[in-house]
Amino acid sequence: MGQFPERERELHCEFFWSRQQADGGFCGRTAASDVYYTAFALRGLVVLGSDNRERAQRVAMYLRGQSHGRASVIDLISLVLAARMLESWMGEIVFDSTTDWPSSVARLLEKLRRPDGGYAKSDEGHASSTYQTFLIALTYQLLELQQPEPQRAVEFILGQQREDGGFVEIGVMRRSGTNPTAAAIGVMKILDPQRITQLQASVTDFLLGNLTIEGGLRANTQIPVADLLSTYTGLQTLHDVGSSDQLDRDVLLGFVHGLKQPTGGFFAANWDDAVDVEYSFYGVALLGLLTAI
């Protein structure tokens, strides 16, 4: 993103900061702060190179307050991601280094492991989730902890691939999706990167089949329109498997620019009429990724 005009980067930074609330957190499409959206806002600001230390300190205060409550698993993972980003970005320490919080988080995550080696979305969930397994592998990496029995997670992920070359979210599904496929390759990149070469051809064919006439990627073959989430995860995955050169970069850029708003931020898709920090991160990340490739 450093190659982009400074004013364009400032415009998107201003959008992200405009979603910061009085308590230091960031909101989604409602006015309440949410740790999930706070993590996405931080992603966007880090990618854009924002350097507002005072506001970053307010985010750290918000995150410290969130660490004491009973959070959902996705909030817990978002909290870890946001804390690590603040630490590397601004040097703001969210968690006291004298506490054993990484091990505490790991114990909670292991309660979600299922007999097939994957991880469920909640304590009550019976089915392992491709996306949740990716998030937990990423969280172990952020915590700088060795994931227990990583090969079992790899075997679970490989069992999620279908004949069309893509991957499904849960085992009973037969139709693959762009985002579960991205999550599967994400797990491989962390736990078994050598295997990605074996998956390149099948994953590439599947993802290219999800391109739409709009220029972006759709979530699956039953959905007719592209969105920024699927376009970003699909493009990142094609880049990870070494196939991004098979895409028309200018067409993709046209799709992304078509969702960019004059006052900063991005719509999620052509059907959208509002901006939020999650999809605006995908828009910013796509611009950076398309420049890099």
Foldseek 3Di string as FASTA:
>chain_A
DVPDDLVQLVLQLVVLVVQQDPQLAGDWPDNDGALLQRLLSLLSCVLSVDDPQVSLVSNLSSLLVVVPDDDFLSSVLSSLSSQLSSCVRPVDHNDDPVDPVLVVNLVLQVCQAAPQGAGDRHNPDHWHFLQSRLSVLVSCVSSVHDRPPLVSSLRSLVQQAAPQLAGPTTNVDHFHWLQSRLSSQSSCVRRPVVCLQVSLPSLVSQQVVQAAPQLAGPGGPVDRFHWLVSRLSNLVSCVSSVNNVVGDLVSNVNSLVVQADPSHAGAGGPVGDDGTSNSSSSSSVSVVVSVVD
